[in-house]
Amino acid sequence: MGGDKGRYFNREQIYFTGAYMDGAIYPVYQPAGKRRRKCRPTSSIQAKLNQRNAEKRFVREVHLNFGHGDYAVTVTFRTGEEPKDEKDAQRIVKNYLQRLRRLYRKLGLELKYIYAIEYGGKKGRCHCHLIISGGVDRDLIEDAWGLGYANTKRLQLDPDTGLTGLSKYTVKDKAFYKRWVGSRNLVKPEPAEIDGQISMDEVKELAEKVEDGTAAEHFENLYPGYRLVEASVERNAINHGIYIRFEMAEITGGAGIEKVQTIKKRQKKRE
């Protein structure tokens, strides 16, 4: 595909996380390495952006680190055991994770976790949603809580969206304390980027296909080995930029690795 030269180019930013990937195609209005004054969004717009970006980061980390055989855990506090404030809630959950870590070590296993604490329900009671690595009996995980109700379920992956639904539920608006906390041994997703390989005309055409619901074949030709799950378009009325976001699921094993290699070749060709 032809690239745009001049004051802007289109960038493909893609995250591969196991059998799932999400990406964005958007304009970059300055040469790489140079800073450009940014327009400050309104507080309401920024809040929505922050929440959406938090959900995206959380979903990527969950997909990259957890899957079949791992657990979703919800713990609540019985009357009299409630935390005094957010800091106290964080301390209690950390102590719980220390107990789990010792339990896992005894079995020769490494604990990986990611969690968010929130106030929810009509009464606004504090509780915590965790996603943790498996291999340990669920009764032992629940018994280690000891401060109220605990429920452990095996992760169920949707064939289209994987763990996206669970992830977004875990880190929804009412979650507090930096939105979520993850163990240090989590693998962090890194994006693959391609600059200048999609022209503005091609982006406009793709955006129109997304808006009329006919973009699947185009995406699947662009990213072979994946099928389109969801795509959306945003148009910036100020700079007239087109921003396309999409999510895809792997069709065949190994497609993610092959696509990363393809992207690296395209990047080298560009350089």
C-alpha atoms as a PDB file:
ATOM      1  CA  MET A   1       0.000   0.000   0.000  1.00  0.00           C
ATOM      2  CA  GLY A   2       1.209   3.490  -0.719  1.00  0.00           C
ATOM      3  CA  GLY A   3       2.308   5.780   2.084  1.00  0.00           C
ATOM      4  CA  ASP A   4       1.571   9.500   2.586  1.00  0.00           C
ATOM      5  CA  LYS A   5       4.477  11.918   2.700  1.00  0.00           C
ATOM      6  CA  GLY A   6       4.510  15.452   4.013  1.00  0.00           C
ATOM      7  CA  ARG A   7       3.153  16.800   7.238  1.00  0.00           C
ATOM      8  CA  TYR A   8       1.393  13.621   8.332  1.00  0.00           C
ATOM      9  CA  PHE A   9       1.200   9.876   7.810  1.00  0.00           C
ATOM     10  CA  ASN A  10      -1.039   7.070   9.018  1.00  0.00           C
ATOM     11  CA  ARG A  11       0.189   4.684  11.695  1.00  0.00           C
ATOM     12  CA  GLU A  12      -0.938   1.121  12.381  1.00  0.00           C
ATOM     13  CA  GLN A  13      -0.448   0.248  16.059  1.00  0.00           C
ATOM     14  CA  ILE A  14      -1.142  -3.411  16.802  1.00  0.00           C
ATOM     15  CA  TYR A  15      -1.068  -5.465  19.995  1.00  0.00           C
ATOM     16  CA  PHE A  16      -0.777  -9.239  19.723  1.00  0.00           C
ATOM     17  CA  THR A  17      -1.937 -10.956  22.921  1.00  0.00           C
ATOM     18  CA  GLY A  18      -2.137 -14.677  22.430  1.00  0.00           C
ATOM     19  CA  ALA A  19      -5.045 -15.644  20.201  1.00  0.00           C
ATOM     20  CA  TYR A  20      -6.377 -12.094  20.156  1.00  0.00           C
ATOM     21  CA  MET A  21      -5.206  -8.773  18.852  1.00  0.00           C
ATOM     22  CA  ASP A  22      -6.402  -5.204  18.912  1.00  0.00           C
ATOM     23  CA  GLY A  23      -5.172  -2.248  17.006  1.00  0.00           C
ATOM     24  CA  ALA A  24      -5.673   1.278  15.809  1.00  0.00           C
ATOM     25  CA  ILE A  25      -5.042   3.176  12.597  1.00  0.00           C
ATOM     26  CA  TYR A  26      -4.597   6.906  13.105  1.00  0.00           C
ATOM     27  CA  PRO A  27      -2.848   9.954  11.625  1.00  0.00           C
ATOM     28  CA  VAL A  28       0.458  11.242  12.994  1.00  0.00           C
ATOM     29  CA  TYR A  29       0.886  14.933  12.250  1.00  0.00           C
ATOM     30  CA  GLN A  30       4.579  15.433  12.906  1.00  0.00           C
ATOM     31  CA  PRO A  31       7.836  13.653  12.073  1.00  0.00           C
ATOM     32  CA  ALA A  32       8.884  10.973  14.562  1.00  0.00           C
ATOM     33  CA  GLY A  33      10.889  12.347  17.461  1.00  0.00           C
ATOM     34  CA  LYS A  34       9.519  15.905  17.360  1.00  0.00           C
ATOM     35  CA  ARG A  35       7.041  17.172  19.875  1.00  0.00           C
ATOM     36  CA  ARG A  36       3.860  18.946  18.884  1.00  0.00           C
ATOM     37  CA  ARG A  37       1.680  21.100  21.084  1.00  0.00           C
ATOM     38  CA  LYS A  38      -1.387  19.128  22.113  1.00  0.00           C
ATOM     39  CA  CYS A  39      -4.906  20.427  22.512  1.00  0.00           C
ATOM     40  CA  ARG A  40      -6.153  19.685  25.990  1.00  0.00           C
ATOM     41  CA  PRO A  41      -9.437  17.759  25.904  1.00  0.00           C
ATOM     42  CA  THR A  42     -12.265  18.720  28.225  1.00  0.00           C
ATOM     43  CA  SER A  43     -12.428  16.948  31.572  1.00  0.00           C
ATOM     44  CA  SER A  44     -15.426  14.832  30.531  1.00  0.00           C
ATOM     45  CA  ILE A  45     -13.766  13.732  27.290  1.00  0.00           C
ATOM     46  CA  GLN A  46     -10.495  13.012  29.107  1.00  0.00           C
ATOM     47  CA  ALA A  47     -12.316  10.908  31.695  1.00  0.00           C
ATOM     48  CA  LYS A  48     -13.836   8.776  28.931  1.00  0.00           C
ATOM     49  CA  LEU A  49     -10.465   8.455  27.214  1.00  0.00           C
ATOM     50  CA  ASN A  50      -8.803   7.450  30.470  1.00  0.00           C
ATOM     51  CA  GLN A  51     -11.417   4.781  31.135  1.00  0.00           C
ATOM     52  CA  ARG A  52     -11.235   3.381  27.601  1.00  0.00           C
ATOM     53  CA  ASN A  53      -7.432   3.327  27.664  1.00  0.00           C
ATOM     54  CA  ALA A  54      -7.455   1.681  31.101  1.00  0.00           C
ATOM     55  CA  GLU A  55      -9.798  -1.021  29.811  1.00  0.00           C
ATOM     56  CA  LYS A  56      -7.615  -1.614  26.761  1.00  0.00           C
ATOM     57  CA  ARG A  57      -4.417  -1.957  28.799  1.00  0.00           C
ATOM     58  CA  PHE A  58      -6.133  -4.261  31.262  1.00  0.00           C
ATOM     59  CA  VAL A  59      -7.608  -6.490  28.526  1.00  0.00           C
ATOM     60  CA  ARG A  60      -4.203  -6.808  26.847  1.00  0.00           C
ATOM     61  CA  GLU A  61      -2.431  -7.805  30.043  1.00  0.00           C
ATOM     62  CA  VAL A  62      -5.128 -10.342  30.893  1.00  0.00           C
ATOM     63  CA  HIS A  63      -5.045 -11.942  27.433  1.00  0.00           C
ATOM     64  CA  LEU A  64      -1.258 -12.082  27.417  1.00  0.00           C
ATOM     65  CA  ASN A  65      -0.923 -13.640  30.880  1.00  0.00           C
ATOM     66  CA  PHE A  66      -4.028 -15.726  31.605  1.00  0.00           C
ATOM     67  CA  GLY A  67      -6.161 -18.364  29.925  1.00  0.00           C
ATOM     68  CA  HIS A  68      -7.594 -21.856  30.305  1.00  0.00           C
ATOM     69  CA  GLY A  69      -6.861 -23.314  33.734  1.00  0.00           C
ATOM     70  CA  ASP A  70      -6.600 -19.943  35.457  1.00  0.00           C
ATOM     71  CA  TYR A  71      -9.157 -18.412  37.820  1.00  0.00           C
ATOM     72  CA  ALA A  72     -11.436 -15.431  38.332  1.00  0.00           C
ATOM     73  CA  VAL A  73     -11.871 -14.737  42.057  1.00  0.00           C
ATOM     74  CA  THR A  74     -14.289 -12.393  43.811  1.00  0.00           C
ATOM     75  CA  VAL A  75     -13.900 -11.662  47.519  1.00  0.00           C
ATOM     76  CA  THR A  76     -16.123  -9.569  49.779  1.00  0.00           C
ATOM     77  CA  PHE A  77     -15.986  -8.435  53.412  1.00  0.00           C
ATOM     78  CA  ARG A  78     -18.343  -9.669  56.094  1.00  0.00           C
ATOM     79  CA  THR A  79     -19.847  -7.185  58.530  1.00  0.00           C
ATOM     80  CA  GLY A  80     -17.184  -6.011  60.938  1.00  0.00           C
ATOM     81  CA  GLU A  81     -14.326  -6.852  58.578  1.00  0.00           C
ATOM     82  CA  GLU A  82     -14.815  -3.968  56.155  1.00  0.00           C
ATOM     83  CA  PRO A  83     -11.744  -1.846  55.342  1.00  0.00           C
ATOM     84  CA  LYS A  84     -11.584   1.667  56.780  1.00  0.00           C
ATOM     85  CA  ASP A  85     -10.626   3.271  53.473  1.00  0.00           C
ATOM     86  CA  GLU A  86      -8.980   2.562  50.126  1.00  0.00           C
ATOM     87  CA  LYS A  87      -5.519   2.303  51.648  1.00  0.00           C
ATOM     88  CA  ASP A  88      -6.730  -0.228  54.203  1.00  0.00           C
ATOM     89  CA  ALA A  89      -8.505  -2.233  51.479  1.00  0.00           C
ATOM     90  CA  GLN A  90      -5.282  -2.359  49.506  1.00  0.00           C
ATOM     91  CA  ARG A  91      -3.378  -3.582  52.565  1.00  0.00           C
ATOM     92  CA  ILE A  92      -5.884  -6.372  53.211  1.00  0.00           C
ATOM     93  CA  VAL A  93      -5.832  -7.598  49.589  1.00  0.00           C
ATOM     94  CA  LYS A  94      -2.017  -7.547  49.554  1.00  0.00           C
ATOM     95  CA  ASN A  95      -1.985  -9.695  52.699  1.00  0.00           C
ATOM     96  CA  TYR A  96      -4.367 -12.121  51.005  1.00  0.00           C
ATOM     97  CA  LEU A  97      -2.059 -12.344  48.013  1.00  0.00           C
ATOM     98  CA  GLN A  98       0.887 -13.023  50.316  1.00  0.00           C
ATOM     99  CA  ARG A  99      -1.009 -15.989  51.735  1.00  0.00           C
ATOM    100  CA  LEU A 100      -1.769 -17.214  48.231  1.00  0.00           C
ATOM    101  CA  ARG A 101       1.856 -16.776  47.204  1.00  0.00           C
ATOM    102  CA  ARG A 102       3.003 -18.985  50.084  1.00  0.00           C
ATOM    103  CA  LEU A 103       0.368 -21.560  49.140  1.00  0.00           C
ATOM    104  CA  TYR A 104       1.550 -21.620  45.533  1.00  0.00           C
ATOM    105  CA  ARG A 105       5.204 -21.890  46.533  1.00  0.00           C
ATOM    106  CA  LYS A 106       4.499 -24.954  48.646  1.00  0.00           C
ATOM    107  CA  LEU A 107       3.139 -26.594  45.505  1.00  0.00           C
ATOM    108  CA  GLY A 108       6.083 -25.472  43.394  1.00  0.00           C
ATOM    109  CA  LEU A 109       4.000 -22.929  41.472  1.00  0.00           C
ATOM    110  CA  GLU A 110       4.384 -19.252  40.694  1.00  0.00           C
ATOM    111  CA  LEU A 111       1.466 -16.928  41.421  1.00  0.00           C
ATOM    112  CA  LYS A 112       0.500 -14.374  38.812  1.00  0.00           C
ATOM    113  CA  TYR A 113      -2.338 -11.965  39.493  1.00  0.00           C
ATOM    114  CA  ILE A 114      -4.112  -8.817  38.438  1.00  0.00           C
ATOM    115  CA  TYR A 115      -6.944  -7.211  40.402  1.00  0.00           C
ATOM    116  CA  ALA A 116      -9.134  -4.190  41.029  1.00  0.00           C
ATOM    117  CA  ILE A 117     -10.890  -3.115  44.239  1.00  0.00           C
ATOM    118  CA  GLU A 118     -14.231  -1.387  43.986  1.00  0.00           C
ATOM    119  CA  TYR A 119     -17.311  -0.179  45.801  1.00  0.00           C
ATOM    120  CA  GLY A 120     -20.396  -1.597  44.131  1.00  0.00           C
ATOM    121  CA  GLY A 121     -24.010  -2.592  44.548  1.00  0.00           C
ATOM    122  CA  LYS A 122     -26.825  -0.614  46.115  1.00  0.00           C
ATOM    123  CA  LYS A 123     -25.074  -0.510  49.485  1.00  0.00           C
ATOM    124  CA  GLY A 124     -21.700   0.448  48.047  1.00  0.00           C
ATOM    125  CA  ARG A 125     -19.881  -2.421  49.768  1.00  0.00           C
ATOM    126  CA  CYS A 126     -16.196  -2.862  49.110  1.00  0.00           C
ATOM    127  CA  HIS A 127     -15.100  -5.997  47.246  1.00  0.00           C
ATOM    128  CA  CYS A 128     -12.277  -7.152  45.015  1.00  0.00           C
ATOM    129  CA  HIS A 129     -12.105  -8.880  41.622  1.00  0.00           C
ATOM    130  CA  LEU A 130      -8.956 -10.868  40.923  1.00  0.00           C
ATOM    131  CA  ILE A 131      -7.669 -12.902  38.004  1.00  0.00           C
ATOM    132  CA  ILE A 132      -4.982 -15.338  39.127  1.00  0.00           C
ATOM    133  CA  SER A 133      -2.943 -18.221  37.732  1.00  0.00           C
ATOM    134  CA  GLY A 134      -4.334 -21.720  38.267  1.00  0.00           C
ATOM    135  CA  GLY A 135      -2.973 -25.038  39.423  1.00  0.00           C
ATOM    136  CA  VAL A 136      -4.239 -24.819  43.009  1.00  0.00           C
ATOM    137  CA  ASP A 137      -7.460 -26.280  44.395  1.00  0.00           C
ATOM    138  CA  ARG A 138     -10.190 -23.634  44.398  1.00  0.00           C
ATOM    139  CA  ASP A 139     -11.271 -24.468  47.956  1.00  0.00           C
ATOM    140  CA  LEU A 140      -7.774 -23.607  49.197  1.00  0.00           C
ATOM    141  CA  ILE A 141      -7.867 -20.273  47.374  1.00  0.00           C
ATOM    142  CA  GLU A 142     -11.217 -19.396  48.928  1.00  0.00           C
ATOM    143  CA  ASP A 143     -10.231 -20.596  52.420  1.00  0.00           C
ATOM    144  CA  ALA A 144      -7.158 -18.337  52.323  1.00  0.00           C
ATOM    145  CA  TRP A 145      -9.409 -15.251  52.220  1.00  0.00           C
ATOM    146  CA  GLY A 146     -11.110 -15.741  55.588  1.00  0.00           C
ATOM    147  CA  LEU A 147     -12.774 -12.308  55.778  1.00  0.00           C
ATOM    148  CA  GLY A 148     -16.113 -13.016  54.160  1.00  0.00           C
ATOM    149  CA  TYR A 149     -17.474 -14.478  50.945  1.00  0.00           C
ATOM    150  CA  ALA A 150     -15.028 -15.819  48.329  1.00  0.00           C
ATOM    151  CA  ASN A 151     -15.929 -17.339  44.976  1.00  0.00           C
ATOM    152  CA  THR A 152     -13.507 -18.856  42.458  1.00  0.00           C
ATOM    153  CA  LYS A 153     -14.395 -19.766  38.873  1.00  0.00           C
ATOM    154  CA  ARG A 154     -12.325 -21.189  36.048  1.00  0.00           C
ATOM    155  CA  LEU A 155     -11.798 -18.701  33.255  1.00  0.00           C
ATOM    156  CA  GLN A 156     -14.147 -19.142  30.317  1.00  0.00           C
ATOM    157  CA  LEU A 157     -12.823 -17.761  27.016  1.00  0.00           C
ATOM    158  CA  ASP A 158     -15.321 -16.481  24.499  1.00  0.00           C
ATOM    159  CA  PRO A 159     -14.350 -17.674  20.987  1.00  0.00           C
ATOM    160  CA  ASP A 160     -14.662 -14.124  19.619  1.00  0.00           C
ATOM    161  CA  THR A 161     -13.592 -11.868  22.464  1.00  0.00           C
ATOM    162  CA  GLY A 162     -11.615 -14.117  24.820  1.00  0.00           C
ATOM    163  CA  LEU A 163     -11.541 -12.556  28.272  1.00  0.00           C
ATOM    164  CA  THR A 164     -12.538  -9.065  27.142  1.00  0.00           C
ATOM    165  CA  GLY A 165     -15.945  -9.102  28.867  1.00  0.00           C
ATOM    166  CA  LEU A 166     -14.540 -10.254  32.189  1.00  0.00           C
ATOM    167  CA  SER A 167     -11.672  -7.787  31.939  1.00  0.00           C
ATOM    168  CA  LYS A 168     -13.887  -4.778  31.291  1.00  0.00           C
ATOM    169  CA  TYR A 169     -16.194  -5.802  34.116  1.00  0.00           C
ATOM    170  CA  THR A 170     -13.234  -6.076  36.485  1.00  0.00           C
ATOM    171  CA  VAL A 171     -11.897  -2.606  35.722  1.00  0.00           C
ATOM    172  CA  LYS A 172     -15.158  -0.710  35.284  1.00  0.00           C
ATOM    173  CA  ASP A 173     -15.644   2.886  36.426  1.00  0.00           C
ATOM    174  CA  LYS A 174     -16.135   2.217  40.132  1.00  0.00           C
ATOM    175  CA  ALA A 175     -12.783   0.483  40.507  1.00  0.00           C
ATOM    176  CA  PHE A 176     -10.324   2.560  42.513  1.00  0.00           C
ATOM    177  CA  TYR A 177      -6.670   2.690  43.522  1.00  0.00           C
ATOM    178  CA  LYS A 178      -4.849   3.242  40.206  1.00  0.00           C
ATOM    179  CA  ARG A 179      -7.649   1.267  38.497  1.00  0.00           C
ATOM    180  CA  TRP A 180      -5.839  -2.056  38.930  1.00  0.00           C
ATOM    181  CA  VAL A 181      -2.710  -3.693  40.289  1.00  0.00           C
ATOM    182  CA  GLY A 182      -0.772  -6.551  38.708  1.00  0.00           C
ATOM    183  CA  SER A 183       2.031  -8.787  39.897  1.00  0.00           C
ATOM    184  CA  ARG A 184       5.565  -7.936  38.767  1.00  0.00           C
ATOM    185  CA  ASN A 185       5.894 -11.189  36.835  1.00  0.00           C
ATOM    186  CA  LEU A 186       3.187 -10.265  34.322  1.00  0.00           C
ATOM    187  CA  VAL A 187       4.323  -9.999  30.710  1.00  0.00           C
ATOM    188  CA  LYS A 188       3.707  -6.467  29.427  1.00  0.00           C
ATOM    189  CA  PRO A 189       2.246  -6.119  25.923  1.00  0.00           C
ATOM    190  CA  GLU A 190       4.288  -4.082  23.436  1.00  0.00           C
ATOM    191  CA  PRO A 191       2.800  -2.714  20.223  1.00  0.00           C
ATOM    192  CA  ALA A 192       4.050  -3.408  16.723  1.00  0.00           C
ATOM    193  CA  GLU A 193       3.885  -0.246  14.618  1.00  0.00           C
ATOM    194  CA  ILE A 194       3.857   0.379  10.876  1.00  0.00           C
ATOM    195  CA  ASP A 195       4.150   3.946   9.614  1.00  0.00           C
ATOM    196  CA  GLY A 196       3.108   5.303   6.253  1.00  0.00           C
ATOM    197  CA  GLN A 197       1.881   2.076   4.664  1.00  0.00           C
ATOM    198  CA  ILE A 198      -1.790   3.055   4.409  1.00  0.00           C
ATOM    199  CA  SER A 199      -2.740   6.165   2.433  1.00  0.00           C
ATOM    200  CA  MET A 200      -5.378   8.643   3.508  1.00  0.00           C
ATOM    201  CA  ASP A 201      -7.644   7.522   0.653  1.00  0.00           C
ATOM    202  CA  GLU A 202      -7.350   3.926   1.850  1.00  0.00           C
ATOM    203  CA  VAL A 203      -8.157   4.989   5.408  1.00  0.00           C
ATOM    204  CA  LYS A 204     -11.226   6.875   4.212  1.00  0.00           C
ATOM    205  CA  GLU A 205     -12.394   3.826   2.274  1.00  0.00           C
ATOM    206  CA  LEU A 206     -11.821   1.538   5.252  1.00  0.00           C
ATOM    207  CA  ALA A 207     -13.666   3.927   7.569  1.00  0.00           C
ATOM    208  CA  GLU A 208     -16.678   3.926   5.257  1.00  0.00           C
ATOM    209  CA  LYS A 209     -16.676   0.129   5.220  1.00  0.00           C
ATOM    210  CA  VAL A 210     -16.566   0.057   9.032  1.00  0.00           C
ATOM    211  CA  GLU A 211     -19.496   2.461   9.226  1.00  0.00           C
ATOM    212  CA  ASP A 212     -21.636   0.466   6.776  1.00  0.00           C
ATOM    213  CA  GLY A 213     -20.669  -2.891   8.288  1.00  0.00           C
ATOM    214  CA  THR A 214     -18.711  -4.318   5.331  1.00  0.00           C
ATOM    215  CA  ALA A 215     -15.146  -4.020   6.634  1.00  0.00           C
ATOM    216  CA  ALA A 216     -14.525  -7.625   7.709  1.00  0.00           C
ATOM    217  CA  GLU A 217     -12.960  -8.820   4.453  1.00  0.00           C
ATOM    218  CA  HIS A 218     -10.758  -5.737   4.210  1.00  0.00           C
ATOM    219  CA  PHE A 219      -9.368  -6.217   7.743  1.00  0.00           C
ATOM    220  CA  GLU A 220      -8.884  -9.927   7.223  1.00  0.00           C
ATOM    221  CA  ASN A 221      -6.887  -9.272   4.041  1.00  0.00           C
ATOM    222  CA  LEU A 222      -4.830  -6.649   5.836  1.00  0.00           C
ATOM    223  CA  TYR A 223      -4.158  -8.931   8.836  1.00  0.00           C
ATOM    224  CA  PRO A 224      -4.215 -12.518   7.531  1.00  0.00           C
ATOM    225  CA  GLY A 225      -4.846 -15.292  10.036  1.00  0.00           C
ATOM    226  CA  TYR A 226      -7.343 -13.197  12.022  1.00  0.00           C
ATOM    227  CA  ARG A 227     -11.070 -12.542  11.733  1.00  0.00           C
ATOM    228  CA  LEU A 228     -12.666  -9.249  12.615  1.00  0.00           C
ATOM    229  CA  VAL A 229     -14.618  -9.109  15.877  1.00  0.00           C
ATOM    230  CA  GLU A 230     -15.300  -5.401  16.259  1.00  0.00           C
ATOM    231  CA  ALA A 231     -14.316  -2.103  14.638  1.00  0.00           C
ATOM    232  CA  SER A 232     -15.208   1.533  15.204  1.00  0.00           C
ATOM    233  CA  VAL A 233     -14.447   4.910  13.638  1.00  0.00           C
ATOM    234  CA  GLU A 234     -14.003   8.341  15.171  1.00  0.00           C
ATOM    235  CA  ARG A 235     -13.656  11.510  13.101  1.00  0.00           C
ATOM    236  CA  ASN A 236     -11.927  14.558  14.558  1.00  0.00           C
ATOM    237  CA  ALA A 237     -13.841  17.669  13.499  1.00  0.00           C
ATOM    238  CA  ILE A 238     -10.837  19.916  14.269  1.00  0.00           C
ATOM    239  CA  ASN A 239      -8.021  18.255  12.327  1.00  0.00           C
ATOM    240  CA  HIS A 240     -10.285  16.054  10.139  1.00  0.00           C
ATOM    241  CA  GLY A 241      -8.304  13.022  11.200  1.00  0.00           C
ATOM    242  CA  ILE A 242      -9.824   9.547  10.991  1.00  0.00           C
ATOM    243  CA  TYR A 243      -9.210   7.131  13.867  1.00  0.00           C
ATOM    244  CA  ILE A 244     -10.055   3.456  13.391  1.00  0.00           C
ATOM    245  CA  ARG A 245      -9.979   0.950  16.253  1.00  0.00           C
ATOM    246  CA  PHE A 246     -10.461  -2.770  15.837  1.00  0.00           C
ATOM    247  CA  GLU A 247     -10.327  -6.129  17.581  1.00  0.00           C
ATOM    248  CA  MET A 248      -9.642  -9.484  15.924  1.00  0.00           C
ATOM    249  CA  ALA A 249      -9.445 -13.158  16.905  1.00  0.00           C
ATOM    250  CA  GLU A 250      -6.943 -15.659  15.576  1.00  0.00           C
ATOM    251  CA  ILE A 251      -8.174 -18.154  12.980  1.00  0.00           C
ATOM    252  CA  THR A 252      -5.163 -20.456  12.744  1.00  0.00           C
ATOM    253  CA  GLY A 253      -2.436 -21.328  15.225  1.00  0.00           C
ATOM    254  CA  GLY A 254       0.725 -19.288  14.924  1.00  0.00           C
ATOM    255  CA  ALA A 255      -0.859 -16.461  12.954  1.00  0.00           C
ATOM    256  CA  GLY A 256       0.220 -13.944  15.576  1.00  0.00           C
ATOM    257  CA  ILE A 257       3.899 -14.870  15.264  1.00  0.00           C
ATOM    258  CA  GLU A 258       3.710 -14.862  11.481  1.00  0.00           C
ATOM    259  CA  LYS A 259       2.040 -11.466  11.463  1.00  0.00           C
ATOM    260  CA  VAL A 260       4.666  -9.956  13.778  1.00  0.00           C
ATOM    261  CA  GLN A 261       7.344 -11.177  11.385  1.00  0.00           C
ATOM    262  CA  THR A 262       5.438  -9.691   8.454  1.00  0.00           C
ATOM    263  CA  ILE A 263       5.144  -6.347  10.230  1.00  0.00           C
ATOM    264  CA  LYS A 264       8.864  -6.301  10.992  1.00  0.00           C
ATOM    265  CA  LYS A 265       9.588  -6.848   7.299  1.00  0.00           C
ATOM    266  CA  ARG A 266       7.245  -3.996   6.382  1.00  0.00           C
ATOM    267  CA  GLN A 267       8.918  -1.761   8.982  1.00  0.00           C
ATOM    268  CA  LYS A 268      12.404  -2.524   7.597  1.00  0.00           C
ATOM    269  CA  LYS A 269      11.177  -1.845   4.067  1.00  0.00           C
ATOM    270  CA  ARG A 270       9.869   1.524   5.226  1.00  0.00           C
ATOM    271  CA  GLU A 271      13.198   2.396   6.902  1.00  0.00           C
END
